[in-house]
Amino acid sequence: MTAGQELVFGILGYKEKREWVALALEFDIRGYGTTFSAALKQLMDLVETQVAFALFKKQPEMIWKAADPIWFEVYTQARRELLVLPSKKPSTSPYRAAAASIPHSFMISKLNQFAPVHASA
């Protein structure tokens, strides 16, 4: 990552019984809440925790674990519906498509937080 870049990932929202689920597709992490916004907030906290843990372990490959391919297909369809539906006509889809990012500054602060301290001789 270079300065100013962000880690962007897709999010699929859907209802499971009476609760909203926000699924980060590239991480296979789910946030839950009574509203889609609440589920997104929990999801962002979980994603940041996962990224911080992977950086702490010095294993950035731990960040990425894709959800099942079917979820990517559902996400793609939900995005298409957002693009073709006129804004006056409400969507009947049970899914929401969104995207989020983790700012590069967050990544740098986590790397610095876990960087080894070298004592001077």
PDB file of N, CA and C in Angstrom:
ATOM      1  N   MET A   1       0.835  -1.183   0.000  1.00  0.00           N
ATOM      2  CA  MET A   1       0.000   0.000   0.000  1.00  0.00           C
ATOM      3  C   MET A   1       0.878   1.243   0.000  1.00  0.00           C
ATOM      4  N   THR A   2       0.481   2.191  -0.771  1.00  0.00           N
ATOM      5  CA  THR A   2       1.211   3.450  -0.775  1.00  0.00           C
ATOM      6  C   THR A   2       0.399   4.491  -0.015  1.00  0.00           C
ATOM      7  N   ALA A   3       1.015   5.610   0.270  1.00  0.00           N
ATOM      8  CA  ALA A   3       0.361   6.661   1.058  1.00  0.00           C
ATOM      9  C   ALA A   3      -0.968   7.042   0.430  1.00  0.00           C
ATOM     10  N   GLY A   4      -1.985   7.153   1.273  1.00  0.00           N
ATOM     11  CA  GLY A   4      -3.294   7.576   0.823  1.00  0.00           C
ATOM     12  C   GLY A   4      -4.201   6.461   0.350  1.00  0.00           C
ATOM     13  N   GLN A   5      -3.682   5.252   0.193  1.00  0.00           N
ATOM     14  CA  GLN A   5      -4.522   4.145  -0.244  1.00  0.00           C
ATOM     15  C   GLN A   5      -5.369   3.628   0.899  1.00  0.00           C
ATOM     16  N   GLU A   6      -6.486   3.007   0.534  1.00  0.00           N
ATOM     17  CA  GLU A   6      -7.365   2.409   1.506  1.00  0.00           C
ATOM     18  C   GLU A   6      -7.612   0.954   1.148  1.00  0.00           C
ATOM     19  N   LEU A   7      -7.927   0.177   2.137  1.00  0.00           N
ATOM     20  CA  LEU A   7      -8.309  -1.207   1.945  1.00  0.00           C
ATOM     21  C   LEU A   7      -9.822  -1.219   1.770  1.00  0.00           C
ATOM     22  N   VAL A   8     -10.309  -1.439   0.542  1.00  0.00           N
ATOM     23  CA  VAL A   8     -11.733  -1.385   0.236  1.00  0.00           C
ATOM     24  C   VAL A   8     -12.264  -2.804   0.102  1.00  0.00           C
ATOM     25  N   PHE A   9     -13.450  -3.046   0.684  1.00  0.00           N
ATOM     26  CA  PHE A   9     -14.047  -4.377   0.606  1.00  0.00           C
ATOM     27  C   PHE A   9     -15.557  -4.274   0.446  1.00  0.00           C
ATOM     28  N   GLY A  10     -16.141  -5.320  -0.164  1.00  0.00           N
ATOM     29  CA  GLY A  10     -17.575  -5.369  -0.400  1.00  0.00           C
ATOM     30  C   GLY A  10     -18.316  -5.892   0.823  1.00  0.00           C
ATOM     31  N   ILE A  11     -19.540  -5.389   0.996  1.00  0.00           N
ATOM     32  CA  ILE A  11     -20.374  -5.804   2.116  1.00  0.00           C
ATOM     33  C   ILE A  11     -21.757  -6.158   1.580  1.00  0.00           C
ATOM     34  N   LEU A  12     -22.239  -7.304   1.979  1.00  0.00           N
ATOM     35  CA  LEU A  12     -23.581  -7.738   1.629  1.00  0.00           C
ATOM     36  C   LEU A  12     -24.426  -7.713   2.890  1.00  0.00           C
ATOM     37  N   GLY A  13     -25.566  -7.042   2.824  1.00  0.00           N
ATOM     38  CA  GLY A  13     -26.484  -6.990   3.949  1.00  0.00           C
ATOM     39  C   GLY A  13     -27.706  -7.834   3.666  1.00  0.00           C
ATOM     40  N   TYR A  14     -28.175  -8.535   4.672  1.00  0.00           N
ATOM     41  CA  TYR A  14     -29.391  -9.338   4.540  1.00  0.00           C
ATOM     42  C   TYR A  14     -29.970  -9.608   5.923  1.00  0.00           C
ATOM     43  N   LYS A  15     -31.224  -9.982   5.961  1.00  0.00           N
ATOM     44  CA  LYS A  15     -31.885 -10.271   7.231  1.00  0.00           C
ATOM     45  C   LYS A  15     -31.860 -11.765   7.494  1.00  0.00           C
ATOM     46  N   GLU A  16     -31.537 -12.081   8.728  1.00  0.00           N
ATOM     47  CA  GLU A  16     -31.555 -13.454   9.209  1.00  0.00           C
ATOM     48  C   GLU A  16     -32.527 -13.461  10.380  1.00  0.00           C
ATOM     49  N   LYS A  17     -33.707 -14.010  10.167  1.00  0.00           N
ATOM     50  CA  LYS A  17     -34.805 -13.928  11.141  1.00  0.00           C
ATOM     51  C   LYS A  17     -35.139 -12.461  11.360  1.00  0.00           C
ATOM     52  N   ARG A  18     -34.962 -11.920  12.556  1.00  0.00           N
ATOM     53  CA  ARG A  18     -35.301 -10.513  12.820  1.00  0.00           C
ATOM     54  C   ARG A  18     -34.075  -9.620  12.898  1.00  0.00           C
ATOM     55  N   GLU A  19     -32.924 -10.153  12.577  1.00  0.00           N
ATOM     56  CA  GLU A  19     -31.669  -9.429  12.749  1.00  0.00           C
ATOM     57  C   GLU A  19     -31.005  -9.193  11.399  1.00  0.00           C
ATOM     58  N   TRP A  20     -30.384  -8.016  11.263  1.00  0.00           N
ATOM     59  CA  TRP A  20     -29.614  -7.715  10.065  1.00  0.00           C
ATOM     60  C   TRP A  20     -28.218  -8.310  10.195  1.00  0.00           C
ATOM     61  N   VAL A  21     -27.706  -8.776   9.069  1.00  0.00           N
ATOM     62  CA  VAL A  21     -26.347  -9.291   8.978  1.00  0.00           C
ATOM     63  C   VAL A  21     -25.610  -8.449   7.949  1.00  0.00           C
ATOM     64  N   ALA A  22     -24.402  -8.043   8.269  1.00  0.00           N
ATOM     65  CA  ALA A  22     -23.513  -7.358   7.323  1.00  0.00           C
ATOM     66  C   ALA A  22     -22.299  -8.263   7.138  1.00  0.00           C
ATOM     67  N   LEU A  23     -22.133  -8.777   5.936  1.00  0.00           N
ATOM     68  CA  LEU A  23     -21.065  -9.731   5.625  1.00  0.00           C
ATOM     69  C   LEU A  23     -19.966  -9.046   4.829  1.00  0.00           C
ATOM     70  N   ALA A  24     -18.750  -9.014   5.373  1.00  0.00           N
ATOM     71  CA  ALA A  24     -17.583  -8.502   4.646  1.00  0.00           C
ATOM     72  C   ALA A  24     -17.095  -9.643   3.754  1.00  0.00           C
ATOM     73  N   LEU A  25     -17.286  -9.496   2.464  1.00  0.00           N
ATOM     74  CA  LEU A  25     -17.037 -10.594   1.530  1.00  0.00           C
ATOM     75  C   LEU A  25     -15.586 -11.063   1.503  1.00  0.00           C
ATOM     76  N   GLU A  26     -14.657 -10.136   1.525  1.00  0.00           N
ATOM     77  CA  GLU A  26     -13.241 -10.516   1.425  1.00  0.00           C
ATOM     78  C   GLU A  26     -12.665 -11.054   2.731  1.00  0.00           C
ATOM     79  N   PHE A  27     -13.407 -10.910   3.815  1.00  0.00           N
ATOM     80  CA  PHE A  27     -12.932 -11.359   5.126  1.00  0.00           C
ATOM     81  C   PHE A  27     -13.735 -12.535   5.679  1.00  0.00           C
ATOM     82  N   ASP A  28     -14.937 -12.755   5.141  1.00  0.00           N
ATOM     83  CA  ASP A  28     -15.886 -13.745   5.667  1.00  0.00           C
ATOM     84  C   ASP A  28     -16.152 -13.486   7.151  1.00  0.00           C
ATOM     85  N   ILE A  29     -16.390 -12.217   7.458  1.00  0.00           N
ATOM     86  CA  ILE A  29     -16.712 -11.791   8.822  1.00  0.00           C
ATOM     87  C   ILE A  29     -18.103 -11.175   8.782  1.00  0.00           C
ATOM     88  N   ARG A  30     -18.895 -11.467   9.808  1.00  0.00           N
ATOM     89  CA  ARG A  30     -20.264 -10.958   9.877  1.00  0.00           C
ATOM     90  C   ARG A  30     -20.480 -10.092  11.114  1.00  0.00           C
ATOM     91  N   GLY A  31     -21.157  -8.975  10.895  1.00  0.00           N
ATOM     92  CA  GLY A  31     -21.620  -8.134  11.989  1.00  0.00           C
ATOM     93  C   GLY A  31     -23.133  -8.264  12.068  1.00  0.00           C
ATOM     94  N   TYR A  32     -23.686  -8.128  13.262  1.00  0.00           N
ATOM     95  CA  TYR A  32     -25.127  -8.299  13.471  1.00  0.00           C
ATOM     96  C   TYR A  32     -25.695  -7.078  14.166  1.00  0.00           C
ATOM     97  N   GLY A  33     -26.968  -6.785  13.876  1.00  0.00           N
ATOM     98  CA  GLY A  33     -27.629  -5.671  14.535  1.00  0.00           C
ATOM     99  C   GLY A  33     -29.110  -5.629  14.218  1.00  0.00           C
ATOM    100  N   THR A  34     -29.824  -4.814  14.955  1.00  0.00           N
ATOM    101  CA  THR A  34     -31.259  -4.679  14.731  1.00  0.00           C
ATOM    102  C   THR A  34     -31.552  -3.886  13.460  1.00  0.00           C
ATOM    103  N   THR A  35     -30.570  -3.103  12.984  1.00  0.00           N
ATOM    104  CA  THR A  35     -30.678  -2.388  11.715  1.00  0.00           C
ATOM    105  C   THR A  35     -29.435  -2.705  10.885  1.00  0.00           C
ATOM    106  N   PHE A  36     -29.529  -2.405   9.590  1.00  0.00           N
ATOM    107  CA  PHE A  36     -28.362  -2.616   8.739  1.00  0.00           C
ATOM    108  C   PHE A  36     -27.206  -1.736   9.199  1.00  0.00           C
ATOM    109  N   SER A  37     -27.501  -0.510   9.607  1.00  0.00           N
ATOM    110  CA  SER A  37     -26.456   0.398  10.095  1.00  0.00           C
ATOM    111  C   SER A  37     -25.767  -0.152  11.339  1.00  0.00           C
ATOM    112  N   ALA A  38     -26.533  -0.723  12.246  1.00  0.00           N
ATOM    113  CA  ALA A  38     -25.948  -1.299  13.465  1.00  0.00           C
ATOM    114  C   ALA A  38     -25.072  -2.500  13.121  1.00  0.00           C
ATOM    115  N   ALA A  39     -25.525  -3.316  12.173  1.00  0.00           N
ATOM    116  CA  ALA A  39     -24.726  -4.462  11.747  1.00  0.00           C
ATOM    117  C   ALA A  39     -23.431  -3.998  11.086  1.00  0.00           C
ATOM    118  N   LEU A  40     -23.501  -2.928  10.289  1.00  0.00           N
ATOM    119  CA  LEU A  40     -22.296  -2.365   9.655  1.00  0.00           C
ATOM    120  C   LEU A  40     -21.301  -1.867  10.695  1.00  0.00           C
ATOM    121  N   LYS A  41     -21.810  -1.200  11.709  1.00  0.00           N
ATOM    122  CA  LYS A  41     -20.915  -0.685  12.759  1.00  0.00           C
ATOM    123  C   LYS A  41     -20.185  -1.828  13.448  1.00  0.00           C
ATOM    124  N   GLN A  42     -20.912  -2.874  13.814  1.00  0.00           N
ATOM    125  CA  GLN A  42     -20.268  -4.015  14.450  1.00  0.00           C
ATOM    126  C   GLN A  42     -19.268  -4.678  13.499  1.00  0.00           C
ATOM    127  N   LEU A  43     -19.657  -4.780  12.234  1.00  0.00           N
ATOM    128  CA  LEU A  43     -18.767  -5.388  11.245  1.00  0.00           C
ATOM    129  C   LEU A  43     -17.457  -4.617  11.131  1.00  0.00           C
ATOM    130  N   MET A  44     -17.522  -3.299  11.073  1.00  0.00           N
ATOM    131  CA  MET A  44     -16.302  -2.499  10.953  1.00  0.00           C
ATOM    132  C   MET A  44     -15.387  -2.713  12.150  1.00  0.00           C
ATOM    133  N   ASP A  45     -15.955  -2.802  13.339  1.00  0.00           N
ATOM    134  CA  ASP A  45     -15.141  -3.079  14.529  1.00  0.00           C
ATOM    135  C   ASP A  45     -14.448  -4.434  14.409  1.00  0.00           C
ATOM    136  N   LEU A  46     -15.192  -5.431  13.928  1.00  0.00           N
ATOM    137  CA  LEU A  46     -14.622  -6.773  13.785  1.00  0.00           C
ATOM    138  C   LEU A  46     -13.530  -6.817  12.708  1.00  0.00           C
ATOM    139  N   VAL A  47     -13.747  -6.131  11.603  1.00  0.00           N
ATOM    140  CA  VAL A  47     -12.743  -6.097  10.528  1.00  0.00           C
ATOM    141  C   VAL A  47     -11.471  -5.416  11.025  1.00  0.00           C
ATOM    142  N   GLU A  48     -11.618  -4.295  11.715  1.00  0.00           N
ATOM    143  CA  GLU A  48     -10.434  -3.605  12.239  1.00  0.00           C
ATOM    144  C   GLU A  48      -9.685  -4.483  13.240  1.00  0.00           C
ATOM    145  N   THR A  49     -10.425  -5.229  14.045  1.00  0.00           N
ATOM    146  CA  THR A  49      -9.790  -6.149  14.997  1.00  0.00           C
ATOM    147  C   THR A  49      -9.026  -7.241  14.259  1.00  0.00           C
ATOM    148  N   GLN A  50      -9.623  -7.785  13.205  1.00  0.00           N
ATOM    149  CA  GLN A  50      -8.960  -8.838  12.427  1.00  0.00           C
ATOM    150  C   GLN A  50      -7.687  -8.314  11.769  1.00  0.00           C
ATOM    151  N   VAL A  51      -7.768  -7.130  11.195  1.00  0.00           N
ATOM    152  CA  VAL A  51      -6.593  -6.534  10.549  1.00  0.00           C
ATOM    153  C   VAL A  51      -5.499  -6.279  11.589  1.00  0.00           C
ATOM    154  N   ALA A  52      -5.875  -5.706  12.718  1.00  0.00           N
ATOM    155  CA  ALA A  52      -4.896  -5.418  13.768  1.00  0.00           C
ATOM    156  C   ALA A  52      -4.252  -6.704  14.276  1.00  0.00           C
ATOM    157  N   PHE A  53      -5.045  -7.757  14.460  1.00  0.00           N
ATOM    158  CA  PHE A  53      -4.500  -9.026  14.938  1.00  0.00           C
ATOM    159  C   PHE A  53      -3.522  -9.622  13.928  1.00  0.00           C
ATOM    160  N   ALA A  54      -3.888  -9.600  12.646  1.00  0.00           N
ATOM    161  CA  ALA A  54      -3.002 -10.136  11.609  1.00  0.00           C
ATOM    162  C   ALA A  54      -1.687  -9.363  11.571  1.00  0.00           C
ATOM    163  N   LEU A  55      -1.759  -8.058  11.716  1.00  0.00           N
ATOM    164  CA  LEU A  55      -0.534  -7.254  11.719  1.00  0.00           C
ATOM    165  C   LEU A  55       0.282  -7.506  12.984  1.00  0.00           C
ATOM    166  N   PHE A  56      -0.390  -7.674  14.118  1.00  0.00           N
ATOM    167  CA  PHE A  56       0.284  -7.997  15.376  1.00  0.00           C
ATOM    168  C   PHE A  56       1.050  -9.318  15.252  1.00  0.00           C
ATOM    169  N   LYS A  57       0.424 -10.301  14.601  1.00  0.00           N
ATOM    170  CA  LYS A  57       1.055 -11.610  14.414  1.00  0.00           C
ATOM    171  C   LYS A  57       2.076 -11.592  13.267  1.00  0.00           C
ATOM    172  N   LYS A  58       2.173 -10.439  12.596  1.00  0.00           N
ATOM    173  CA  LYS A  58       3.067 -10.298  11.433  1.00  0.00           C
ATOM    174  C   LYS A  58       2.724 -11.327  10.353  1.00  0.00           C
ATOM    175  N   GLN A  59       1.420 -11.545  10.189  1.00  0.00           N
ATOM    176  CA  GLN A  59       0.913 -12.482   9.191  1.00  0.00           C
ATOM    177  C   GLN A  59      -0.217 -11.812   8.404  1.00  0.00           C
ATOM    178  N   PRO A  60       0.127 -10.870   7.520  1.00  0.00           N
ATOM    179  CA  PRO A  60      -0.918 -10.147   6.789  1.00  0.00           C
ATOM    180  C   PRO A  60      -1.817 -11.059   5.967  1.00  0.00           C
ATOM    181  N   GLU A  61      -1.354 -12.253   5.632  1.00  0.00           N
ATOM    182  CA  GLU A  61      -2.198 -13.185   4.877  1.00  0.00           C
ATOM    183  C   GLU A  61      -3.421 -13.610   5.681  1.00  0.00           C
ATOM    184  N   MET A  62      -3.392 -13.429   7.014  1.00  0.00           N
ATOM    185  CA  MET A  62      -4.540 -13.764   7.852  1.00  0.00           C
ATOM    186  C   MET A  62      -5.713 -12.810   7.623  1.00  0.00           C
ATOM    187  N   ILE A  63      -5.449 -11.681   7.014  1.00  0.00           N
ATOM    188  CA  ILE A  63      -6.497 -10.691   6.782  1.00  0.00           C
ATOM    189  C   ILE A  63      -7.536 -11.236   5.805  1.00  0.00           C
ATOM    190  N   TRP A  64      -7.068 -11.905   4.773  1.00  0.00           N
ATOM    191  CA  TRP A  64      -7.954 -12.294   3.675  1.00  0.00           C
ATOM    192  C   TRP A  64      -8.459 -13.723   3.813  1.00  0.00           C
ATOM    193  N   LYS A  65      -9.764 -13.872   3.875  1.00  0.00           N
ATOM    194  CA  LYS A  65     -10.413 -15.177   3.828  1.00  0.00           C
ATOM    195  C   LYS A  65     -11.766 -14.933   3.181  1.00  0.00           C
ATOM    196  N   ALA A  66     -11.868 -15.211   1.918  1.00  0.00           N
ATOM    197  CA  ALA A  66     -13.079 -14.881   1.170  1.00  0.00           C
ATOM    198  C   ALA A  66     -14.277 -15.716   1.619  1.00  0.00           C
ATOM    199  N   ALA A  67     -15.441 -15.085   1.577  1.00  0.00           N
ATOM    200  CA  ALA A  67     -16.692 -15.785   1.845  1.00  0.00           C
ATOM    201  C   ALA A  67     -16.963 -16.768   0.701  1.00  0.00           C
ATOM    202  N   ASP A  68     -17.932 -17.626   0.889  1.00  0.00           N
ATOM    203  CA  ASP A  68     -18.305 -18.575  -0.165  1.00  0.00           C
ATOM    204  C   ASP A  68     -18.676 -17.818  -1.442  1.00  0.00           C
ATOM    205  N   PRO A  69     -18.330 -18.370  -2.600  1.00  0.00           N
ATOM    206  CA  PRO A  69     -18.587 -17.686  -3.879  1.00  0.00           C
ATOM    207  C   PRO A  69     -20.052 -17.279  -4.083  1.00  0.00           C
ATOM    208  N   ILE A  70     -20.990 -18.030  -3.549  1.00  0.00           N
ATOM    209  CA  ILE A  70     -22.401 -17.678  -3.741  1.00  0.00           C
ATOM    210  C   ILE A  70     -22.707 -16.284  -3.193  1.00  0.00           C
ATOM    211  N   TRP A  71     -22.033 -15.892  -2.094  1.00  0.00           N
ATOM    212  CA  TRP A  71     -22.270 -14.566  -1.519  1.00  0.00           C
ATOM    213  C   TRP A  71     -21.780 -13.459  -2.446  1.00  0.00           C
ATOM    214  N   PHE A  72     -20.702 -13.717  -3.187  1.00  0.00           N
ATOM    215  CA  PHE A  72     -20.214 -12.736  -4.163  1.00  0.00           C
ATOM    216  C   PHE A  72     -21.226 -12.576  -5.299  1.00  0.00           C
ATOM    217  N   GLU A  73     -21.851 -13.681  -5.706  1.00  0.00           N
ATOM    218  CA  GLU A  73     -22.872 -13.627  -6.751  1.00  0.00           C
ATOM    219  C   GLU A  73     -24.087 -12.826  -6.283  1.00  0.00           C
ATOM    220  N   VAL A  74     -24.529 -13.065  -5.058  1.00  0.00           N
ATOM    221  CA  VAL A  74     -25.666 -12.326  -4.504  1.00  0.00           C
ATOM    222  C   VAL A  74     -25.326 -10.840  -4.406  1.00  0.00           C
ATOM    223  N   TYR A  75     -24.115 -10.535  -3.970  1.00  0.00           N
ATOM    224  CA  TYR A  75     -23.651  -9.147  -3.857  1.00  0.00           C
ATOM    225  C   TYR A  75     -23.666  -8.464  -5.231  1.00  0.00           C
ATOM    226  N   THR A  76     -23.168  -9.153  -6.242  1.00  0.00           N
ATOM    227  CA  THR A  76     -23.139  -8.599  -7.592  1.00  0.00           C
ATOM    228  C   THR A  76     -24.552  -8.303  -8.077  1.00  0.00           C
ATOM    229  N   GLN A  77     -25.480  -9.215  -7.831  1.00  0.00           N
ATOM    230  CA  GLN A  77     -26.868  -8.989  -8.230  1.00  0.00           C
ATOM    231  C   GLN A  77     -27.472  -7.807  -7.474  1.00  0.00           C
ATOM    232  N   ALA A  78     -27.199  -7.705  -6.184  1.00  0.00           N
ATOM    233  CA  ALA A  78     -27.721  -6.590  -5.381  1.00  0.00           C
ATOM    234  C   ALA A  78     -27.173  -5.255  -5.898  1.00  0.00           C
ATOM    235  N   ARG A  79     -25.917  -5.228  -6.293  1.00  0.00           N
ATOM    236  CA  ARG A  79     -25.328  -3.994  -6.849  1.00  0.00           C
ATOM    237  C   ARG A  79     -25.966  -3.636  -8.177  1.00  0.00           C
ATOM    238  N   ARG A  80     -26.211  -4.654  -9.012  1.00  0.00           N
ATOM    239  CA  ARG A  80     -26.858  -4.393 -10.299  1.00  0.00           C
ATOM    240  C   ARG A  80     -28.232  -3.768 -10.094  1.00  0.00           C
ATOM    241  N   GLU A  81     -28.975  -4.292  -9.133  1.00  0.00           N
ATOM    242  CA  GLU A  81     -30.311  -3.757  -8.858  1.00  0.00           C
ATOM    243  C   GLU A  81     -30.233  -2.306  -8.403  1.00  0.00           C
ATOM    244  N   LEU A  82     -29.205  -1.960  -7.626  1.00  0.00           N
ATOM    245  CA  LEU A  82     -29.032  -0.571  -7.210  1.00  0.00           C
ATOM    246  C   LEU A  82     -28.814   0.351  -8.407  1.00  0.00           C
ATOM    247  N   LEU A  83     -28.111  -0.152  -9.405  1.00  0.00           N
ATOM    248  CA  LEU A  83     -27.772   0.675 -10.562  1.00  0.00           C
ATOM    249  C   LEU A  83     -28.928   0.840 -11.537  1.00  0.00           C
ATOM    250  N   VAL A  84     -29.814  -0.156 -11.645  1.00  0.00           N
ATOM    251  CA  VAL A  84     -30.856  -0.095 -12.663  1.00  0.00           C
ATOM    252  C   VAL A  84     -32.203   0.372 -12.137  1.00  0.00           C
ATOM    253  N   LEU A  85     -32.426   0.293 -10.837  1.00  0.00           N
ATOM    254  CA  LEU A  85     -33.714   0.730 -10.295  1.00  0.00           C
ATOM    255  C   LEU A  85     -33.797   2.251 -10.258  1.00  0.00           C
ATOM    256  N   PRO A  86     -34.861   2.815 -10.767  1.00  0.00           N
ATOM    257  CA  PRO A  86     -35.033   4.263 -10.611  1.00  0.00           C
ATOM    258  C   PRO A  86     -35.119   4.604  -9.122  1.00  0.00           C
ATOM    259  N   SER A  87     -34.616   5.754  -8.765  1.00  0.00           N
ATOM    260  CA  SER A  87     -34.553   6.122  -7.349  1.00  0.00           C
ATOM    261  C   SER A  87     -35.942   6.240  -6.708  1.00  0.00           C
ATOM    262  N   LYS A  88     -36.992   6.445  -7.494  1.00  0.00           N
ATOM    263  CA  LYS A  88     -38.342   6.582  -6.942  1.00  0.00           C
ATOM    264  C   LYS A  88     -38.981   5.224  -6.655  1.00  0.00           C
ATOM    265  N   LYS A  89     -38.486   4.184  -7.257  1.00  0.00           N
ATOM    266  CA  LYS A  89     -39.074   2.854  -7.076  1.00  0.00           C
ATOM    267  C   LYS A  89     -38.281   2.104  -5.999  1.00  0.00           C
ATOM    268  N   PRO A  90     -38.917   1.726  -4.893  1.00  0.00           N
ATOM    269  CA  PRO A  90     -38.181   1.014  -3.841  1.00  0.00           C
ATOM    270  C   PRO A  90     -37.790  -0.387  -4.283  1.00  0.00           C
ATOM    271  N   SER A  91     -36.666  -0.822  -3.808  1.00  0.00           N
ATOM    272  CA  SER A  91     -36.185  -2.157  -4.119  1.00  0.00           C
ATOM    273  C   SER A  91     -36.976  -3.202  -3.342  1.00  0.00           C
ATOM    274  N   THR A  92     -37.249  -4.302  -3.988  1.00  0.00           N
ATOM    275  CA  THR A  92     -37.920  -5.411  -3.311  1.00  0.00           C
ATOM    276  C   THR A  92     -36.910  -6.485  -2.911  1.00  0.00           C
ATOM    277  N   SER A  93     -35.661  -6.248  -3.206  1.00  0.00           N
ATOM    278  CA  SER A  93     -34.616  -7.218  -2.881  1.00  0.00           C
ATOM    279  C   SER A  93     -34.416  -7.305  -1.369  1.00  0.00           C
ATOM    280  N   PRO A  94     -34.228  -8.519  -0.863  1.00  0.00           N
ATOM    281  CA  PRO A  94     -33.946  -8.680   0.571  1.00  0.00           C
ATOM    282  C   PRO A  94     -32.483  -8.388   0.920  1.00  0.00           C
ATOM    283  N   TYR A  95     -31.699  -7.990  -0.079  1.00  0.00           N
ATOM    284  CA  TYR A  95     -30.271  -7.775   0.119  1.00  0.00           C
ATOM    285  C   TYR A  95     -29.905  -6.311  -0.036  1.00  0.00           C
ATOM    286  N   ARG A  96     -28.810  -5.930   0.611  1.00  0.00           N
ATOM    287  CA  ARG A  96     -28.224  -4.598   0.463  1.00  0.00           C
ATOM    288  C   ARG A  96     -26.775  -4.787   0.035  1.00  0.00           C
ATOM    289  N   ALA A  97     -26.318  -3.928  -0.842  1.00  0.00           N
ATOM    290  CA  ALA A  97     -24.921  -3.949  -1.264  1.00  0.00           C
ATOM    291  C   ALA A  97     -24.266  -2.666  -0.785  1.00  0.00           C
ATOM    292  N   ALA A  98     -23.097  -2.803  -0.215  1.00  0.00           N
ATOM    293  CA  ALA A  98     -22.358  -1.642   0.268  1.00  0.00           C
ATOM    294  C   ALA A  98     -20.870  -1.928   0.119  1.00  0.00           C
ATOM    295  N   ALA A  99     -20.084  -0.926   0.364  1.00  0.00           N
ATOM    296  CA  ALA A  99     -18.631  -1.072   0.380  1.00  0.00           C
ATOM    297  C   ALA A  99     -18.109  -0.220   1.522  1.00  0.00           C
ATOM    298  N   ALA A 100     -16.982  -0.618   2.045  1.00  0.00           N
ATOM    299  CA  ALA A 100     -16.355   0.143   3.129  1.00  0.00           C
ATOM    300  C   ALA A 100     -14.852   0.084   2.932  1.00  0.00           C
ATOM    301  N   SER A 101     -14.178   0.925   3.669  1.00  0.00           N
ATOM    302  CA  SER A 101     -12.724   0.928   3.571  1.00  0.00           C
ATOM    303  C   SER A 101     -12.112   1.122   4.940  1.00  0.00           C
ATOM    304  N   ILE A 102     -10.906   0.635   5.049  1.00  0.00           N
ATOM    305  CA  ILE A 102     -10.093   0.885   6.229  1.00  0.00           C
ATOM    306  C   ILE A 102      -9.015   1.853   5.770  1.00  0.00           C
ATOM    307  N   PRO A 103      -8.998   3.052   6.300  1.00  0.00           N
ATOM    308  CA  PRO A 103      -8.028   4.043   5.835  1.00  0.00           C
ATOM    309  C   PRO A 103      -6.585   3.575   6.023  1.00  0.00           C
ATOM    310  N   HIS A 104      -5.758   3.997   5.110  1.00  0.00           N
ATOM    311  CA  HIS A 104      -4.340   3.662   5.175  1.00  0.00           C
ATOM    312  C   HIS A 104      -3.751   4.107   6.514  1.00  0.00           C
ATOM    313  N   SER A 105      -4.239   5.205   7.055  1.00  0.00           N
ATOM    314  CA  SER A 105      -3.713   5.697   8.337  1.00  0.00           C
ATOM    315  C   SER A 105      -3.958   4.686   9.457  1.00  0.00           C
ATOM    316  N   PHE A 106      -5.077   3.968   9.414  1.00  0.00           N
ATOM    317  CA  PHE A 106      -5.347   2.936  10.411  1.00  0.00           C
ATOM    318  C   PHE A 106      -4.300   1.830  10.299  1.00  0.00           C
ATOM    319  N   MET A 107      -4.026   1.408   9.069  1.00  0.00           N
ATOM    320  CA  MET A 107      -3.047   0.343   8.849  1.00  0.00           C
ATOM    321  C   MET A 107      -1.678   0.764   9.363  1.00  0.00           C
ATOM    322  N   ILE A 108      -1.273   1.978   9.054  1.00  0.00           N
ATOM    323  CA  ILE A 108       0.035   2.469   9.495  1.00  0.00           C
ATOM    324  C   ILE A 108       0.092   2.539  11.017  1.00  0.00           C
ATOM    325  N   SER A 109      -0.977   3.032  11.654  1.00  0.00           N
ATOM    326  CA  SER A 109      -0.951   3.138  13.118  1.00  0.00           C
ATOM    327  C   SER A 109      -0.851   1.760  13.753  1.00  0.00           C
ATOM    328  N   LYS A 110      -1.512   0.763  13.158  1.00  0.00           N
ATOM    329  CA  LYS A 110      -1.439  -0.590  13.711  1.00  0.00           C
ATOM    330  C   LYS A 110      -0.047  -1.181  13.504  1.00  0.00           C
ATOM    331  N   LEU A 111       0.549  -0.923  12.345  1.00  0.00           N
ATOM    332  CA  LEU A 111       1.908  -1.409  12.109  1.00  0.00           C
ATOM    333  C   LEU A 111       2.873  -0.786  13.101  1.00  0.00           C
ATOM    334  N   ASN A 112       2.733   0.511  13.328  1.00  0.00           N
ATOM    335  CA  ASN A 112       3.605   1.198  14.280  1.00  0.00           C
ATOM    336  C   ASN A 112       3.374   0.707  15.704  1.00  0.00           C
ATOM    337  N   GLN A 113       2.130   0.418  16.040  1.00  0.00           N
ATOM    338  CA  GLN A 113       1.798  -0.051  17.378  1.00  0.00           C
ATOM    339  C   GLN A 113       2.494  -1.382  17.683  1.00  0.00           C
ATOM    340  N   PHE A 114       2.618  -2.222  16.673  1.00  0.00           N
ATOM    341  CA  PHE A 114       3.172  -3.545  16.899  1.00  0.00           C
ATOM    342  C   PHE A 114       4.620  -3.680  16.434  1.00  0.00           C
ATOM    343  N   ALA A 115       5.221  -2.580  16.010  1.00  0.00           N
ATOM    344  CA  ALA A 115       6.606  -2.637  15.561  1.00  0.00           C
ATOM    345  C   ALA A 115       7.534  -2.878  16.766  1.00  0.00           C
ATOM    346  N   PRO A 116       8.537  -3.706  16.579  1.00  0.00           N
ATOM    347  CA  PRO A 116       9.454  -3.944  17.687  1.00  0.00           C
ATOM    348  C   PRO A 116      10.256  -2.695  18.039  1.00  0.00           C
ATOM    349  N   VAL A 117      10.511  -2.511  19.309  1.00  0.00           N
ATOM    350  CA  VAL A 117      11.295  -1.367  19.783  1.00  0.00           C
ATOM    351  C   VAL A 117      12.757  -1.805  19.843  1.00  0.00           C
ATOM    352  N   HIS A 118      13.622  -1.037  19.210  1.00  0.00           N
ATOM    353  CA  HIS A 118      15.050  -1.353  19.213  1.00  0.00           C
ATOM    354  C   HIS A 118      15.754  -0.449  20.224  1.00  0.00           C
ATOM    355  N   ALA A 119      16.422  -1.069  21.156  1.00  0.00           N
ATOM    356  CA  ALA A 119      17.170  -0.293  22.149  1.00  0.00           C
ATOM    357  C   ALA A 119      18.474   0.185  21.516  1.00  0.00           C
ATOM    358  N   SER A 120      18.846   1.407  21.819  1.00  0.00           N
ATOM    359  CA  SER A 120      20.113   1.922  21.281  1.00  0.00           C
ATOM    360  C   SER A 120      21.259   1.466  22.194  1.00  0.00           C
ATOM    361  N   ALA A 121      22.379   1.230  21.579  1.00  0.00           N
ATOM    362  CA  ALA A 121      23.546   0.736  22.344  1.00  0.00           C
ATOM    363  C   ALA A 121      24.367   1.856  22.885  1.00  0.00           C
TER     364      ALA A 121
END
